[in-house]
């Protein structure tokens, strides 16, 4: 089994235990998923640079959740 698979690759089912089938994404959907993840990571990193607190931990968790739901929308 491959250690990592790009999230925009058509081979992304290789390392996913729960979802047994994926539809093939369009190039536009792949680009949107990449942008969602890149923008989410940039915001997550910025929040992380502000220090540490319970509030910032919650903010980072919510960013992760927002990225998850946006990607879920694209891949459903």
PDB file of N, CA and C in Angstrom:
ATOM      1  N   UNK A   1       0.838  -1.192   0.000  1.00  0.00           N
ATOM      2  CA  UNK A   1       0.000   0.000   0.000  1.00  0.00           C
ATOM      3  C   UNK A   1       0.874   1.244   0.000  1.00  0.00           C
ATOM      4  N   UNK A   2       0.436   2.269  -0.676  1.00  0.00           N
ATOM      5  CA  UNK A   2       1.148   3.534  -0.760  1.00  0.00           C
ATOM      6  C   UNK A   2       1.025   4.283   0.564  1.00  0.00           C
ATOM      7  N   UNK A   3       2.111   4.939   0.993  1.00  0.00           N
ATOM      8  CA  UNK A   3       2.085   5.706   2.236  1.00  0.00           C
ATOM      9  C   UNK A   3       1.209   6.939   2.120  1.00  0.00           C
ATOM     10  N   UNK A   4       1.339   7.664   1.024  1.00  0.00           N
ATOM     11  CA  UNK A   4       0.536   8.862   0.837  1.00  0.00           C
ATOM     12  C   UNK A   4      -0.010   8.898  -0.589  1.00  0.00           C
ATOM     13  N   UNK A   5      -1.139   9.546  -0.714  1.00  0.00           N
ATOM     14  CA  UNK A   5      -1.776   9.745  -2.013  1.00  0.00           C
ATOM     15  C   UNK A   5      -2.274  11.178  -2.035  1.00  0.00           C
ATOM     16  N   UNK A   6      -2.000  11.882  -3.103  1.00  0.00           N
ATOM     17  CA  UNK A   6      -2.479  13.258  -3.223  1.00  0.00           C
ATOM     18  C   UNK A   6      -3.999  13.284  -3.162  1.00  0.00           C
ATOM     19  N   UNK A   7      -4.539  14.263  -2.450  1.00  0.00           N
ATOM     20  CA  UNK A   7      -5.993  14.349  -2.307  1.00  0.00           C
ATOM     21  C   UNK A   7      -6.687  14.680  -3.616  1.00  0.00           C
ATOM     22  N   UNK A   8      -5.960  15.170  -4.604  1.00  0.00           N
ATOM     23  CA  UNK A   8      -6.584  15.463  -5.892  1.00  0.00           C
ATOM     24  C   UNK A   8      -6.331  14.349  -6.911  1.00  0.00           C
ATOM     25  N   UNK A   9      -5.661  13.279  -6.479  1.00  0.00           N
ATOM     26  CA  UNK A   9      -5.393  12.152  -7.371  1.00  0.00           C
ATOM     27  C   UNK A   9      -6.628  11.268  -7.500  1.00  0.00           C
ATOM     28  N   UNK A  10      -6.798  10.681  -8.664  1.00  0.00           N
ATOM     29  CA  UNK A  10      -7.881   9.721  -8.844  1.00  0.00           C
ATOM     30  C   UNK A  10      -7.613   8.428  -8.079  1.00  0.00           C
ATOM     31  N   UNK A  11      -6.405   8.257  -7.534  1.00  0.00           N
ATOM     32  CA  UNK A  11      -6.046   7.077  -6.748  1.00  0.00           C
ATOM     33  C   UNK A  11      -6.304   7.278  -5.249  1.00  0.00           C
ATOM     34  N   UNK A  12      -7.067   8.296  -4.873  1.00  0.00           N
ATOM     35  CA  UNK A  12      -7.225   8.638  -3.460  1.00  0.00           C
ATOM     36  C   UNK A  12      -7.998   7.606  -2.656  1.00  0.00           C
ATOM     37  N   UNK A  13      -8.567   6.583  -3.283  1.00  0.00           N
ATOM     38  CA  UNK A  13      -9.274   5.534  -2.538  1.00  0.00           C
ATOM     39  C   UNK A  13      -8.308   4.520  -1.942  1.00  0.00           C
ATOM     40  N   UNK A  14      -7.079   4.535  -2.366  1.00  0.00           N
ATOM     41  CA  UNK A  14      -6.118   3.513  -1.946  1.00  0.00           C
ATOM     42  C   UNK A  14      -5.962   3.467  -0.426  1.00  0.00           C
ATOM     43  N   UNK A  15      -5.877   4.611   0.227  1.00  0.00           N
ATOM     44  CA  UNK A  15      -5.606   4.622   1.667  1.00  0.00           C
ATOM     45  C   UNK A  15      -6.826   5.054   2.487  1.00  0.00           C
ATOM     46  N   UNK A  16      -8.022   4.815   1.969  1.00  0.00           N
ATOM     47  CA  UNK A  16      -9.238   5.192   2.688  1.00  0.00           C
ATOM     48  C   UNK A  16     -10.023   3.944   3.056  1.00  0.00           C
ATOM     49  N   UNK A  17     -10.141   3.692   4.343  1.00  0.00           N
ATOM     50  CA  UNK A  17     -10.809   2.492   4.826  1.00  0.00           C
ATOM     51  C   UNK A  17     -12.327   2.597   4.721  1.00  0.00           C
ATOM     52  N   UNK A  18     -12.894   3.757   5.005  1.00  0.00           N
ATOM     53  CA  UNK A  18     -14.342   3.897   5.121  1.00  0.00           C
ATOM     54  C   UNK A  18     -15.062   4.076   3.789  1.00  0.00           C
ATOM     55  N   UNK A  19     -14.586   4.965   2.964  1.00  0.00           N
ATOM     56  CA  UNK A  19     -15.283   5.228   1.700  1.00  0.00           C
ATOM     57  C   UNK A  19     -14.778   4.229   0.667  1.00  0.00           C
ATOM     58  N   UNK A  20     -15.688   3.428   0.160  1.00  0.00           N
ATOM     59  CA  UNK A  20     -15.300   2.350  -0.744  1.00  0.00           C
ATOM     60  C   UNK A  20     -15.316   2.750  -2.207  1.00  0.00           C
ATOM     61  N   UNK A  21     -15.973   3.829  -2.533  1.00  0.00           N
ATOM     62  CA  UNK A  21     -16.038   4.258  -3.929  1.00  0.00           C
ATOM     63  C   UNK A  21     -16.024   5.777  -3.995  1.00  0.00           C
ATOM     64  N   UNK A  22     -15.324   6.278  -4.957  1.00  0.00           N
ATOM     65  CA  UNK A  22     -15.265   7.706  -5.218  1.00  0.00           C
ATOM     66  C   UNK A  22     -15.675   7.948  -6.653  1.00  0.00           C
ATOM     67  N   UNK A  23     -16.264   9.078  -6.899  1.00  0.00           N
ATOM     68  CA  UNK A  23     -16.491   9.446  -8.289  1.00  0.00           C
ATOM     69  C   UNK A  23     -15.253  10.203  -8.759  1.00  0.00           C
ATOM     70  N   UNK A  24     -15.003  10.166 -10.038  1.00  0.00           N
ATOM     71  CA  UNK A  24     -13.875  10.899 -10.593  1.00  0.00           C
ATOM     72  C   UNK A  24     -14.226  12.383 -10.598  1.00  0.00           C
ATOM     73  N   UNK A  25     -13.333  13.184 -10.052  1.00  0.00           N
ATOM     74  CA  UNK A  25     -13.564  14.630  -9.985  1.00  0.00           C
ATOM     75  C   UNK A  25     -13.129  15.292 -11.283  1.00  0.00           C
ATOM     76  N   UNK A  26     -13.814  16.371 -11.605  1.00  0.00           N
ATOM     77  CA  UNK A  26     -13.403  17.169 -12.758  1.00  0.00           C
ATOM     78  C   UNK A  26     -12.133  17.933 -12.391  1.00  0.00           C
ATOM     79  N   UNK A  27     -11.454  18.443 -13.389  1.00  0.00           N
ATOM     80  CA  UNK A  27     -10.263  19.246 -13.114  1.00  0.00           C
ATOM     81  C   UNK A  27     -10.607  20.485 -12.295  1.00  0.00           C
ATOM     82  N   UNK A  28     -11.785  21.052 -12.536  1.00  0.00           N
ATOM     83  CA  UNK A  28     -12.219  22.224 -11.767  1.00  0.00           C
ATOM     84  C   UNK A  28     -12.444  21.852 -10.300  1.00  0.00           C
ATOM     85  N   UNK A  29     -13.043  20.698 -10.060  1.00  0.00           N
ATOM     86  CA  UNK A  29     -13.266  20.244  -8.683  1.00  0.00           C
ATOM     87  C   UNK A  29     -11.940  19.943  -7.983  1.00  0.00           C
ATOM     88  N   UNK A  30     -11.007  19.355  -8.716  1.00  0.00           N
ATOM     89  CA  UNK A  30      -9.681  19.091  -8.139  1.00  0.00           C
ATOM     90  C   UNK A  30      -8.987  20.396  -7.769  1.00  0.00           C
ATOM     91  N   UNK A  31      -9.083  21.379  -8.644  1.00  0.00           N
ATOM     92  CA  UNK A  31      -8.473  22.680  -8.358  1.00  0.00           C
ATOM     93  C   UNK A  31      -9.140  23.344  -7.158  1.00  0.00           C
ATOM     94  N   UNK A  32     -10.467  23.227  -7.068  1.00  0.00           N
ATOM     95  CA  UNK A  32     -11.190  23.809  -5.928  1.00  0.00           C
ATOM     96  C   UNK A  32     -10.777  23.125  -4.632  1.00  0.00           C
ATOM     97  N   UNK A  33     -10.648  21.789  -4.654  1.00  0.00           N
ATOM     98  CA  UNK A  33     -10.230  21.074  -3.446  1.00  0.00           C
ATOM     99  C   UNK A  33      -8.828  21.499  -3.026  1.00  0.00           C
ATOM    100  N   UNK A  34      -7.939  21.634  -3.979  1.00  0.00           N
ATOM    101  CA  UNK A  34      -6.578  22.073  -3.667  1.00  0.00           C
ATOM    102  C   UNK A  34      -6.588  23.462  -3.052  1.00  0.00           C
ATOM    103  N   UNK A  35      -7.396  24.367  -3.610  1.00  0.00           N
ATOM    104  CA  UNK A  35      -7.467  25.729  -3.071  1.00  0.00           C
ATOM    105  C   UNK A  35      -8.060  25.746  -1.666  1.00  0.00           C
ATOM    106  N   UNK A  36      -9.121  24.975  -1.445  1.00  0.00           N
ATOM    107  CA  UNK A  36      -9.725  24.900  -0.106  1.00  0.00           C
ATOM    108  C   UNK A  36      -8.680  24.459   0.905  1.00  0.00           C
ATOM    109  N   UNK A  37      -7.935  23.419   0.567  1.00  0.00           N
ATOM    110  CA  UNK A  37      -6.931  22.896   1.504  1.00  0.00           C
ATOM    111  C   UNK A  37      -5.767  23.861   1.679  1.00  0.00           C
ATOM    112  N   UNK A  38      -5.321  24.478   0.590  1.00  0.00           N
ATOM    113  CA  UNK A  38      -4.218  25.447   0.695  1.00  0.00           C
ATOM    114  C   UNK A  38      -4.621  26.660   1.530  1.00  0.00           C
ATOM    115  N   UNK A  39      -5.803  27.212   1.247  1.00  0.00           N
ATOM    116  CA  UNK A  39      -6.274  28.380   1.999  1.00  0.00           C
ATOM    117  C   UNK A  39      -6.519  28.019   3.465  1.00  0.00           C
ATOM    118  N   UNK A  40      -7.091  26.836   3.699  1.00  0.00           N
ATOM    119  CA  UNK A  40      -7.317  26.387   5.069  1.00  0.00           C
ATOM    120  C   UNK A  40      -6.006  26.247   5.833  1.00  0.00           C
ATOM    121  N   UNK A  41      -4.997  25.665   5.173  1.00  0.00           N
ATOM    122  CA  UNK A  41      -3.692  25.501   5.815  1.00  0.00           C
ATOM    123  C   UNK A  41      -3.045  26.848   6.109  1.00  0.00           C
ATOM    124  N   UNK A  42      -3.147  27.775   5.170  1.00  0.00           N
ATOM    125  CA  UNK A  42      -2.569  29.108   5.393  1.00  0.00           C
ATOM    126  C   UNK A  42      -3.219  29.794   6.593  1.00  0.00           C
ATOM    127  N   UNK A  43      -4.544  29.708   6.685  1.00  0.00           N
ATOM    128  CA  UNK A  43      -5.248  30.320   7.815  1.00  0.00           C
ATOM    129  C   UNK A  43      -4.890  29.607   9.117  1.00  0.00           C
ATOM    130  N   UNK A  44      -4.837  28.276   9.076  1.00  0.00           N
ATOM    131  CA  UNK A  44      -4.469  27.466  10.246  1.00  0.00           C
ATOM    132  C   UNK A  44      -3.073  27.853  10.732  1.00  0.00           C
ATOM    133  N   UNK A  45      -2.127  27.980   9.797  1.00  0.00           N
ATOM    134  CA  UNK A  45      -0.767  28.366  10.166  1.00  0.00           C
ATOM    135  C   UNK A  45      -0.720  29.776  10.752  1.00  0.00           C
ATOM    136  N   UNK A  46      -1.493  30.693  10.181  1.00  0.00           N
ATOM    137  CA  UNK A  46      -1.532  32.060  10.709  1.00  0.00           C
ATOM    138  C   UNK A  46      -2.058  32.069  12.142  1.00  0.00           C
ATOM    139  N   UNK A  47      -3.158  31.361  12.376  1.00  0.00           N
ATOM    140  CA  UNK A  47      -3.722  31.283  13.738  1.00  0.00           C
ATOM    141  C   UNK A  47      -2.693  30.686  14.693  1.00  0.00           C
ATOM    142  N   UNK A  48      -1.983  29.661  14.222  1.00  0.00           N
ATOM    143  CA  UNK A  48      -0.949  29.040  15.048  1.00  0.00           C
ATOM    144  C   UNK A  48       0.183  29.987  15.393  1.00  0.00           C
ATOM    145  N   UNK A  49       0.442  30.955  14.535  1.00  0.00           N
ATOM    146  CA  UNK A  49       1.533  31.906  14.782  1.00  0.00           C
ATOM    147  C   UNK A  49       1.182  32.947  15.839  1.00  0.00           C
ATOM    148  N   UNK A  50      -0.078  33.018  16.237  1.00  0.00           N
ATOM    149  CA  UNK A  50      -0.517  34.026  17.208  1.00  0.00           C
ATOM    150  C   UNK A  50      -0.241  33.640  18.648  1.00  0.00           C
ATOM    151  N   UNK A  51       0.123  32.388  18.863  1.00  0.00           N
ATOM    152  CA  UNK A  51       0.397  31.927  20.213  1.00  0.00           C
ATOM    153  C   UNK A  51      -0.404  30.680  20.523  1.00  0.00           C
ATOM    154  N   UNK A  52      -0.599  30.454  21.831  1.00  0.00           N
ATOM    155  CA  UNK A  52      -1.350  29.282  22.261  1.00  0.00           C
ATOM    156  C   UNK A  52      -2.387  29.690  23.297  1.00  0.00           C
ATOM    157  N   UNK A  53      -3.608  29.194  23.083  1.00  0.00           N
ATOM    158  CA  UNK A  53      -4.680  29.402  24.051  1.00  0.00           C
ATOM    159  C   UNK A  53      -5.791  28.433  23.706  1.00  0.00           C
ATOM    160  N   UNK A  54      -6.713  28.284  24.590  1.00  0.00           N
ATOM    161  CA  UNK A  54      -7.881  27.442  24.337  1.00  0.00           C
ATOM    162  C   UNK A  54      -8.663  27.991  23.144  1.00  0.00           C
ATOM    163  N   UNK A  55      -8.769  29.312  23.075  1.00  0.00           N
ATOM    164  CA  UNK A  55      -9.516  29.943  21.989  1.00  0.00           C
ATOM    165  C   UNK A  55      -8.862  29.662  20.630  1.00  0.00           C
ATOM    166  N   UNK A  56      -7.539  29.749  20.585  1.00  0.00           N
ATOM    167  CA  UNK A  56      -6.848  29.473  19.322  1.00  0.00           C
ATOM    168  C   UNK A  56      -6.936  27.997  18.951  1.00  0.00           C
ATOM    169  N   UNK A  57      -6.899  27.123  19.953  1.00  0.00           N
ATOM    170  CA  UNK A  57      -7.076  25.696  19.677  1.00  0.00           C
ATOM    171  C   UNK A  57      -8.449  25.431  19.071  1.00  0.00           C
ATOM    172  N   UNK A  58      -9.459  26.078  19.622  1.00  0.00           N
ATOM    173  CA  UNK A  58     -10.809  25.939  19.066  1.00  0.00           C
ATOM    174  C   UNK A  58     -10.876  26.499  17.650  1.00  0.00           C
ATOM    175  N   UNK A  59     -10.242  27.632  17.424  1.00  0.00           N
ATOM    176  CA  UNK A  59     -10.249  28.240  16.091  1.00  0.00           C
ATOM    177  C   UNK A  59      -9.607  27.294  15.073  1.00  0.00           C
ATOM    178  N   UNK A  60      -8.478  26.686  15.436  1.00  0.00           N
ATOM    179  CA  UNK A  60      -7.809  25.759  14.523  1.00  0.00           C
ATOM    180  C   UNK A  60      -8.677  24.531  14.249  1.00  0.00           C
ATOM    181  N   UNK A  61      -9.355  24.035  15.272  1.00  0.00           N
ATOM    182  CA  UNK A  61     -10.257  22.895  15.076  1.00  0.00           C
ATOM    183  C   UNK A  61     -11.388  23.259  14.130  1.00  0.00           C
ATOM    184  N   UNK A  62     -11.929  24.452  14.269  1.00  0.00           N
ATOM    185  CA  UNK A  62     -13.024  24.885  13.396  1.00  0.00           C
ATOM    186  C   UNK A  62     -12.556  25.072  11.961  1.00  0.00           C
ATOM    187  N   UNK A  63     -11.324  25.524  11.770  1.00  0.00           N
ATOM    188  CA  UNK A  63     -10.770  25.634  10.419  1.00  0.00           C
ATOM    189  C   UNK A  63     -10.672  24.247   9.798  1.00  0.00           C
ATOM    190  N   UNK A  64     -10.168  23.286  10.559  1.00  0.00           N
ATOM    191  CA  UNK A  64     -10.067  21.910  10.069  1.00  0.00           C
ATOM    192  C   UNK A  64     -11.449  21.366   9.701  1.00  0.00           C
ATOM    193  N   UNK A  65     -12.432  21.662  10.531  1.00  0.00           N
ATOM    194  CA  UNK A  65     -13.798  21.210  10.272  1.00  0.00           C
ATOM    195  C   UNK A  65     -14.365  21.869   9.010  1.00  0.00           C
ATOM    196  N   UNK A  66     -14.120  23.149   8.849  1.00  0.00           N
ATOM    197  CA  UNK A  66     -14.625  23.851   7.666  1.00  0.00           C
ATOM    198  C   UNK A  66     -14.019  23.271   6.387  1.00  0.00           C
ATOM    199  N   UNK A  67     -12.727  22.979   6.406  1.00  0.00           N
ATOM    200  CA  UNK A  67     -12.078  22.368   5.247  1.00  0.00           C
ATOM    201  C   UNK A  67     -12.694  20.996   4.978  1.00  0.00           C
ATOM    202  N   UNK A  68     -12.886  20.209   6.022  1.00  0.00           N
ATOM    203  CA  UNK A  68     -13.469  18.882   5.864  1.00  0.00           C
ATOM    204  C   UNK A  68     -14.836  18.956   5.192  1.00  0.00           C
ATOM    205  N   UNK A  69     -15.710  19.843   5.670  1.00  0.00           N
ATOM    206  CA  UNK A  69     -17.064  19.930   5.121  1.00  0.00           C
ATOM    207  C   UNK A  69     -17.054  20.457   3.692  1.00  0.00           C
ATOM    208  N   UNK A  70     -16.184  21.406   3.399  1.00  0.00           N
ATOM    209  CA  UNK A  70     -16.108  21.932   2.032  1.00  0.00           C
ATOM    210  C   UNK A  70     -15.630  20.845   1.062  1.00  0.00           C
ATOM    211  N   UNK A  71     -14.632  20.072   1.479  1.00  0.00           N
ATOM    212  CA  UNK A  71     -14.142  18.972   0.640  1.00  0.00           C
ATOM    213  C   UNK A  71     -15.222  17.909   0.498  1.00  0.00           C
ATOM    214  N   UNK A  72     -15.928  17.629   1.581  1.00  0.00           N
ATOM    215  CA  UNK A  72     -17.023  16.645   1.530  1.00  0.00           C
ATOM    216  C   UNK A  72     -18.060  17.080   0.493  1.00  0.00           C
ATOM    217  N   UNK A  73     -18.367  18.349   0.459  1.00  0.00           N
ATOM    218  CA  UNK A  73     -19.314  18.865  -0.542  1.00  0.00           C
ATOM    219  C   UNK A  73     -18.818  18.561  -1.961  1.00  0.00           C
ATOM    220  N   UNK A  74     -17.545  18.792  -2.197  1.00  0.00           N
ATOM    221  CA  UNK A  74     -16.993  18.575  -3.536  1.00  0.00           C
ATOM    222  C   UNK A  74     -16.968  17.102  -3.926  1.00  0.00           C
ATOM    223  N   UNK A  75     -16.729  16.220  -2.972  1.00  0.00           N
ATOM    224  CA  UNK A  75     -16.523  14.808  -3.292  1.00  0.00           C
ATOM    225  C   UNK A  75     -17.762  13.954  -3.141  1.00  0.00           C
ATOM    226  N   UNK A  76     -18.846  14.549  -2.664  1.00  0.00           N
ATOM    227  CA  UNK A  76     -20.077  13.758  -2.434  1.00  0.00           C
ATOM    228  C   UNK A  76     -20.729  13.344  -3.726  1.00  0.00           C
TER     229      UNK A  76
END
